[in-house]
Amino acid sequence: MTVRRVPIIPTIIVLAAVATMIGLGIWQLGRRAEKEVLLARYEAAAGSSETVGFPLGGAGEAVLFRRSALTCLGAERIEAVSGTSATGQKGWVQRAWCIVSDDATVPVDLGYTRDIAAPAFTGGTVSGIIAPGPRLVADPPLAGLQPMAKPDPGDLPNNHLAYAGQWFFFALTALVIYVLALRRRRR
């Protein structure tokens, strides 16, 4: 009777891959907790009426969902992007690229419309809510447009639990496939 051994190198590779996948799953669980804290901070910021300066550099994560104001010296361009009205209708949000200094432009969502044509907007003081991007969502709307749906932290995904489950499933699948391959090899 010959005893067949388990191949050392393939076993090490599979176990290393499984350990990596489990580690990624655990990391995603940690990210889930971090994201819950971030979303709670955004919810609190959305309820604040205090005005903050608009971030001209970076993602502006420290001030997302806060009220802000800026002076738009003019619009570099205006484009229609898909959007939602305050009443839930789908249509267009007119986004202006506002010039705020000689070397900086800021995306500003002016308001909602069902018409794709760019509105007449020459600039001025814009107040609103800082949304991811970052961009300023005008509140009240400008250029004769209708109110848009306000940025909502609840719209940000927190799917880290699903990602963790996927990594754990991948690890289990790799183990099952390897065990089946070893059983087949023994025959």
C-alpha atoms as a PDB file:
ATOM      1  CA  MET A   1       0.000   0.000   0.000  1.00  0.00           C
ATOM      2  CA  THR A   2       1.484   3.319  -1.068  1.00  0.00           C
ATOM      3  CA  VAL A   3       0.746   6.423   0.923  1.00  0.00           C
ATOM      4  CA  ARG A   4       0.463   9.544  -1.195  1.00  0.00           C
ATOM      5  CA  ARG A   5       1.598  12.714   0.378  1.00  0.00           C
ATOM      6  CA  VAL A   6      -0.070  16.082   0.310  1.00  0.00           C
ATOM      7  CA  PRO A   7       1.895  18.337  -2.080  1.00  0.00           C
ATOM      8  CA  ILE A   8       3.756  20.876   0.037  1.00  0.00           C
ATOM      9  CA  ILE A   9       4.153  23.876  -2.318  1.00  0.00           C
ATOM     10  CA  PRO A  10       0.551  23.913  -3.667  1.00  0.00           C
ATOM     11  CA  THR A  11      -0.782  23.490  -0.129  1.00  0.00           C
ATOM     12  CA  ILE A  12       1.285  26.444   1.103  1.00  0.00           C
ATOM     13  CA  ILE A  13       0.069  28.577  -1.811  1.00  0.00           C
ATOM     14  CA  VAL A  14      -3.594  27.679  -1.229  1.00  0.00           C
ATOM     15  CA  LEU A  15      -3.340  28.227   2.538  1.00  0.00           C
ATOM     16  CA  ALA A  16      -1.618  31.582   1.983  1.00  0.00           C
ATOM     17  CA  ALA A  17      -4.380  32.615  -0.434  1.00  0.00           C
ATOM     18  CA  VAL A  18      -7.074  31.509   2.034  1.00  0.00           C
ATOM     19  CA  ALA A  19      -5.367  33.381   4.878  1.00  0.00           C
ATOM     20  CA  THR A  20      -5.167  36.491   2.675  1.00  0.00           C
ATOM     21  CA  MET A  21      -8.873  36.243   1.809  1.00  0.00           C
ATOM     22  CA  ILE A  22      -9.825  35.831   5.463  1.00  0.00           C
ATOM     23  CA  GLY A  23      -7.632  38.831   6.310  1.00  0.00           C
ATOM     24  CA  LEU A  24      -9.393  40.891   3.646  1.00  0.00           C
ATOM     25  CA  GLY A  25     -12.760  39.845   5.072  1.00  0.00           C
ATOM     26  CA  ILE A  26     -11.722  40.917   8.559  1.00  0.00           C
ATOM     27  CA  TRP A  27     -10.388  44.194   7.137  1.00  0.00           C
ATOM     28  CA  GLN A  28     -13.772  44.822   5.472  1.00  0.00           C
ATOM     29  CA  LEU A  29     -15.518  44.279   8.818  1.00  0.00           C
ATOM     30  CA  GLY A  30     -13.247  46.959  10.293  1.00  0.00           C
ATOM     31  CA  ARG A  31     -13.994  49.276   7.383  1.00  0.00           C
ATOM     32  CA  ARG A  32     -17.712  48.749   8.040  1.00  0.00           C
ATOM     33  CA  ALA A  33     -17.321  50.077  11.578  1.00  0.00           C
ATOM     34  CA  GLU A  34     -15.281  53.050  10.324  1.00  0.00           C
ATOM     35  CA  LYS A  35     -17.911  53.822   7.668  1.00  0.00           C
ATOM     36  CA  GLU A  36     -20.713  53.731  10.263  1.00  0.00           C
ATOM     37  CA  VAL A  37     -18.843  56.346  12.326  1.00  0.00           C
ATOM     38  CA  LEU A  38     -18.288  58.477   9.209  1.00  0.00           C
ATOM     39  CA  LEU A  39     -21.964  58.263   8.216  1.00  0.00           C
ATOM     40  CA  ALA A  40     -23.027  59.227  11.754  1.00  0.00           C
ATOM     41  CA  ARG A  41     -20.716  62.263  11.535  1.00  0.00           C
ATOM     42  CA  TYR A  42     -22.236  63.208   8.164  1.00  0.00           C
ATOM     43  CA  GLU A  43     -25.764  62.860   9.585  1.00  0.00           C
ATOM     44  CA  ALA A  44     -24.843  65.229  12.425  1.00  0.00           C
ATOM     45  CA  ALA A  45     -23.275  67.675   9.940  1.00  0.00           C
ATOM     46  CA  ALA A  46     -26.427  67.594   7.787  1.00  0.00           C
ATOM     47  CA  GLY A  47     -28.451  68.734  10.791  1.00  0.00           C
ATOM     48  CA  SER A  48     -26.157  71.672  11.531  1.00  0.00           C
ATOM     49  CA  SER A  49     -27.031  75.178  10.339  1.00  0.00           C
ATOM     50  CA  GLU A  50     -23.486  76.513  10.821  1.00  0.00           C
ATOM     51  CA  THR A  51     -21.840  77.733   7.590  1.00  0.00           C
ATOM     52  CA  VAL A  52     -18.308  76.575   6.725  1.00  0.00           C
ATOM     53  CA  GLY A  53     -15.907  77.605   3.985  1.00  0.00           C
ATOM     54  CA  PHE A  54     -16.031  75.597   0.762  1.00  0.00           C
ATOM     55  CA  PRO A  55     -12.942  73.349   0.393  1.00  0.00           C
ATOM     56  CA  LEU A  56     -10.965  74.391  -2.661  1.00  0.00           C
ATOM     57  CA  GLY A  57      -8.553  71.461  -2.429  1.00  0.00           C
ATOM     58  CA  GLY A  58      -9.034  67.768  -1.767  1.00  0.00           C
ATOM     59  CA  ALA A  59     -12.232  65.797  -1.276  1.00  0.00           C
ATOM     60  CA  GLY A  60     -13.588  68.048   1.487  1.00  0.00           C
ATOM     61  CA  GLU A  61     -14.534  65.047   3.635  1.00  0.00           C
ATOM     62  CA  ALA A  62     -14.298  67.076   6.844  1.00  0.00           C
ATOM     63  CA  VAL A  63     -17.088  69.431   5.719  1.00  0.00           C
ATOM     64  CA  LEU A  64     -19.371  67.239   3.602  1.00  0.00           C
ATOM     65  CA  PHE A  65     -23.116  67.835   4.117  1.00  0.00           C
ATOM     66  CA  ARG A  66     -22.455  71.184   5.834  1.00  0.00           C
ATOM     67  CA  ARG A  67     -23.853  74.519   4.662  1.00  0.00           C
ATOM     68  CA  SER A  68     -21.456  76.758   2.763  1.00  0.00           C
ATOM     69  CA  ALA A  69     -21.393  79.827   0.548  1.00  0.00           C
ATOM     70  CA  LEU A  70     -19.080  81.152  -2.122  1.00  0.00           C
ATOM     71  CA  THR A  71     -18.869  83.945  -4.647  1.00  0.00           C
ATOM     72  CA  CYS A  72     -19.080  82.754  -8.233  1.00  0.00           C
ATOM     73  CA  LEU A  73     -17.252  85.234 -10.459  1.00  0.00           C
ATOM     74  CA  GLY A  74     -18.767  83.631 -13.563  1.00  0.00           C
ATOM     75  CA  ALA A  75     -19.451  80.237 -15.063  1.00  0.00           C
ATOM     76  CA  GLU A  76     -16.680  78.584 -17.057  1.00  0.00           C
ATOM     77  CA  ARG A  77     -19.319  76.214 -18.453  1.00  0.00           C
ATOM     78  CA  ILE A  78     -22.757  74.856 -17.568  1.00  0.00           C
ATOM     79  CA  GLU A  79     -23.764  71.272 -18.236  1.00  0.00           C
ATOM     80  CA  ALA A  80     -26.861  69.176 -17.590  1.00  0.00           C
ATOM     81  CA  VAL A  81     -26.343  66.068 -15.463  1.00  0.00           C
ATOM     82  CA  SER A  82     -28.989  63.559 -14.467  1.00  0.00           C
ATOM     83  CA  GLY A  83     -30.637  64.489 -11.207  1.00  0.00           C
ATOM     84  CA  THR A  84     -33.666  64.443  -8.988  1.00  0.00           C
ATOM     85  CA  SER A  85     -35.974  67.232  -7.896  1.00  0.00           C
ATOM     86  CA  ALA A  86     -36.920  67.878  -4.274  1.00  0.00           C
ATOM     87  CA  THR A  87     -40.219  66.109  -5.024  1.00  0.00           C
ATOM     88  CA  GLY A  88     -38.512  62.995  -6.430  1.00  0.00           C
ATOM     89  CA  GLN A  89     -38.951  63.642 -10.174  1.00  0.00           C
ATOM     90  CA  LYS A  90     -36.122  62.540 -12.442  1.00  0.00           C
ATOM     91  CA  GLY A  91     -34.679  65.034 -14.879  1.00  0.00           C
ATOM     92  CA  TRP A  92     -31.672  67.328 -15.122  1.00  0.00           C
ATOM     93  CA  VAL A  93     -29.570  69.243 -12.646  1.00  0.00           C
ATOM     94  CA  GLN A  94     -27.757  72.171 -14.207  1.00  0.00           C
ATOM     95  CA  ARG A  95     -24.137  72.145 -13.011  1.00  0.00           C
ATOM     96  CA  ALA A  96     -22.069  75.289 -13.401  1.00  0.00           C
ATOM     97  CA  TRP A  97     -18.304  75.297 -13.106  1.00  0.00           C
ATOM     98  CA  CYS A  98     -17.993  78.509 -11.118  1.00  0.00           C
ATOM     99  CA  ILE A  99     -14.822  80.534 -11.276  1.00  0.00           C
ATOM    100  CA  VAL A 100     -13.914  81.466  -7.684  1.00  0.00           C
ATOM    101  CA  SER A 101     -10.357  82.718  -8.303  1.00  0.00           C
ATOM    102  CA  ASP A 102      -7.809  83.004 -11.103  1.00  0.00           C
ATOM    103  CA  ASP A 103      -6.840  79.347 -10.703  1.00  0.00           C
ATOM    104  CA  ALA A 104      -9.864  77.623  -9.130  1.00  0.00           C
ATOM    105  CA  THR A 105     -13.271  76.495 -10.307  1.00  0.00           C
ATOM    106  CA  VAL A 106     -15.958  74.844  -8.188  1.00  0.00           C
ATOM    107  CA  PRO A 107     -18.815  72.651  -9.443  1.00  0.00           C
ATOM    108  CA  VAL A 108     -22.140  74.145  -8.345  1.00  0.00           C
ATOM    109  CA  ASP A 109     -25.461  72.400  -8.870  1.00  0.00           C
ATOM    110  CA  LEU A 110     -27.714  75.354  -9.668  1.00  0.00           C
ATOM    111  CA  GLY A 111     -31.101  73.605  -9.656  1.00  0.00           C
ATOM    112  CA  TYR A 112     -33.399  71.041 -11.212  1.00  0.00           C
ATOM    113  CA  THR A 113     -35.179  71.219 -14.555  1.00  0.00           C
ATOM    114  CA  ARG A 114     -36.861  68.983 -17.124  1.00  0.00           C
ATOM    115  CA  ASP A 115     -35.149  71.027 -19.881  1.00  0.00           C
ATOM    116  CA  ILE A 116     -31.605  70.138 -20.901  1.00  0.00           C
ATOM    117  CA  ALA A 117     -30.855  73.677 -22.158  1.00  0.00           C
ATOM    118  CA  ALA A 118     -28.384  75.633 -20.042  1.00  0.00           C
ATOM    119  CA  PRO A 119     -29.955  78.442 -18.004  1.00  0.00           C
ATOM    120  CA  ALA A 120     -28.785  82.045 -18.015  1.00  0.00           C
ATOM    121  CA  PHE A 121     -26.400  82.248 -15.066  1.00  0.00           C
ATOM    122  CA  THR A 122     -23.693  84.863 -14.758  1.00  0.00           C
ATOM    123  CA  GLY A 123     -22.518  84.241 -11.219  1.00  0.00           C
ATOM    124  CA  GLY A 124     -22.994  85.826  -7.833  1.00  0.00           C
ATOM    125  CA  THR A 125     -23.244  84.592  -4.273  1.00  0.00           C
ATOM    126  CA  VAL A 126     -24.202  80.932  -4.014  1.00  0.00           C
ATOM    127  CA  SER A 127     -25.207  79.274  -0.775  1.00  0.00           C
ATOM    128  CA  GLY A 128     -26.049  75.636  -0.313  1.00  0.00           C
ATOM    129  CA  ILE A 129     -24.867  72.266   0.931  1.00  0.00           C
ATOM    130  CA  ILE A 130     -21.480  70.666   0.273  1.00  0.00           C
ATOM    131  CA  ALA A 131     -22.002  67.324  -1.482  1.00  0.00           C
ATOM    132  CA  PRO A 132     -19.439  64.626  -2.347  1.00  0.00           C
ATOM    133  CA  GLY A 133     -17.091  65.659  -5.096  1.00  0.00           C
ATOM    134  CA  PRO A 134     -16.938  68.169  -3.486  1.00  0.00           C
ATOM    135  CA  ARG A 135     -19.584  70.284  -5.141  1.00  0.00           C
ATOM    136  CA  LEU A 136     -21.982  72.898  -3.813  1.00  0.00           C
ATOM    137  CA  VAL A 137     -25.692  72.105  -4.171  1.00  0.00           C
ATOM    138  CA  ALA A 138     -27.448  75.476  -4.320  1.00  0.00           C
ATOM    139  CA  ASP A 139     -30.160  75.942  -1.700  1.00  0.00           C
ATOM    140  CA  PRO A 140     -32.179  77.891  -2.707  1.00  0.00           C
ATOM    141  CA  PRO A 141     -31.817  77.069  -6.410  1.00  0.00           C
ATOM    142  CA  LEU A 142     -30.555  79.719  -8.815  1.00  0.00           C
ATOM    143  CA  ALA A 143     -31.222  80.898 -12.388  1.00  0.00           C
ATOM    144  CA  GLY A 144     -34.985  80.287 -12.165  1.00  0.00           C
ATOM    145  CA  LEU A 145     -34.536  76.540 -11.620  1.00  0.00           C
ATOM    146  CA  GLN A 146     -36.516  74.296  -9.277  1.00  0.00           C
ATOM    147  CA  PRO A 147     -35.264  72.854  -5.959  1.00  0.00           C
ATOM    148  CA  MET A 148     -33.135  69.710  -6.159  1.00  0.00           C
ATOM    149  CA  ALA A 149     -33.077  66.745  -3.816  1.00  0.00           C
ATOM    150  CA  LYS A 150     -30.766  67.697  -0.964  1.00  0.00           C
ATOM    151  CA  PRO A 151     -27.583  65.668  -0.528  1.00  0.00           C
ATOM    152  CA  ASP A 152     -28.317  62.848   1.905  1.00  0.00           C
ATOM    153  CA  PRO A 153     -25.640  60.925   3.827  1.00  0.00           C
ATOM    154  CA  GLY A 154     -28.020  57.948   3.719  1.00  0.00           C
ATOM    155  CA  ASP A 155     -27.364  57.691  -0.029  1.00  0.00           C
ATOM    156  CA  LEU A 156     -23.716  56.791   0.609  1.00  0.00           C
ATOM    157  CA  PRO A 157     -23.181  53.032   0.421  1.00  0.00           C
ATOM    158  CA  ASN A 158     -21.962  51.004   3.382  1.00  0.00           C
ATOM    159  CA  ASN A 159     -21.605  47.609   1.761  1.00  0.00           C
ATOM    160  CA  HIS A 160     -18.511  46.464   3.648  1.00  0.00           C
ATOM    161  CA  LEU A 161     -20.431  43.623   5.331  1.00  0.00           C
ATOM    162  CA  ALA A 162     -21.297  42.222   1.893  1.00  0.00           C
ATOM    163  CA  TYR A 163     -17.651  42.562   0.821  1.00  0.00           C
ATOM    164  CA  ALA A 164     -16.524  40.733   3.975  1.00  0.00           C
ATOM    165  CA  GLY A 165     -18.999  37.945   3.242  1.00  0.00           C
ATOM    166  CA  GLN A 166     -17.650  37.665  -0.294  1.00  0.00           C
ATOM    167  CA  TRP A 167     -14.059  37.318   0.928  1.00  0.00           C
ATOM    168  CA  PHE A 168     -15.057  34.648   3.459  1.00  0.00           C
ATOM    169  CA  PHE A 169     -17.008  32.814   0.747  1.00  0.00           C
ATOM    170  CA  PHE A 170     -14.009  32.971  -1.608  1.00  0.00           C
ATOM    171  CA  ALA A 171     -11.769  31.517   1.129  1.00  0.00           C
ATOM    172  CA  LEU A 172     -14.213  28.687   1.798  1.00  0.00           C
ATOM    173  CA  THR A 173     -14.584  28.005  -1.932  1.00  0.00           C
ATOM    174  CA  ALA A 174     -10.801  27.827  -2.384  1.00  0.00           C
ATOM    175  CA  LEU A 175     -10.522  25.341   0.497  1.00  0.00           C
ATOM    176  CA  VAL A 176     -13.337  23.153  -0.826  1.00  0.00           C
ATOM    177  CA  ILE A 177     -11.887  23.112  -4.339  1.00  0.00           C
ATOM    178  CA  TYR A 178      -8.428  22.240  -2.997  1.00  0.00           C
ATOM    179  CA  VAL A 179      -9.777  19.423  -0.817  1.00  0.00           C
ATOM    180  CA  LEU A 180     -11.712  18.015  -3.798  1.00  0.00           C
ATOM    181  CA  ALA A 181      -8.565  18.234  -5.930  1.00  0.00           C
ATOM    182  CA  LEU A 182      -6.581  16.345  -3.267  1.00  0.00           C
ATOM    183  CA  ARG A 183      -9.266  13.647  -3.055  1.00  0.00           C
ATOM    184  CA  ARG A 184      -9.251  13.250  -6.823  1.00  0.00           C
ATOM    185  CA  ARG A 185      -5.455  13.031  -6.825  1.00  0.00           C
ATOM    186  CA  ARG A 186      -5.541  10.217  -4.267  1.00  0.00           C
ATOM    187  CA  ARG A 187      -7.758   8.073  -6.512  1.00  0.00           C
END
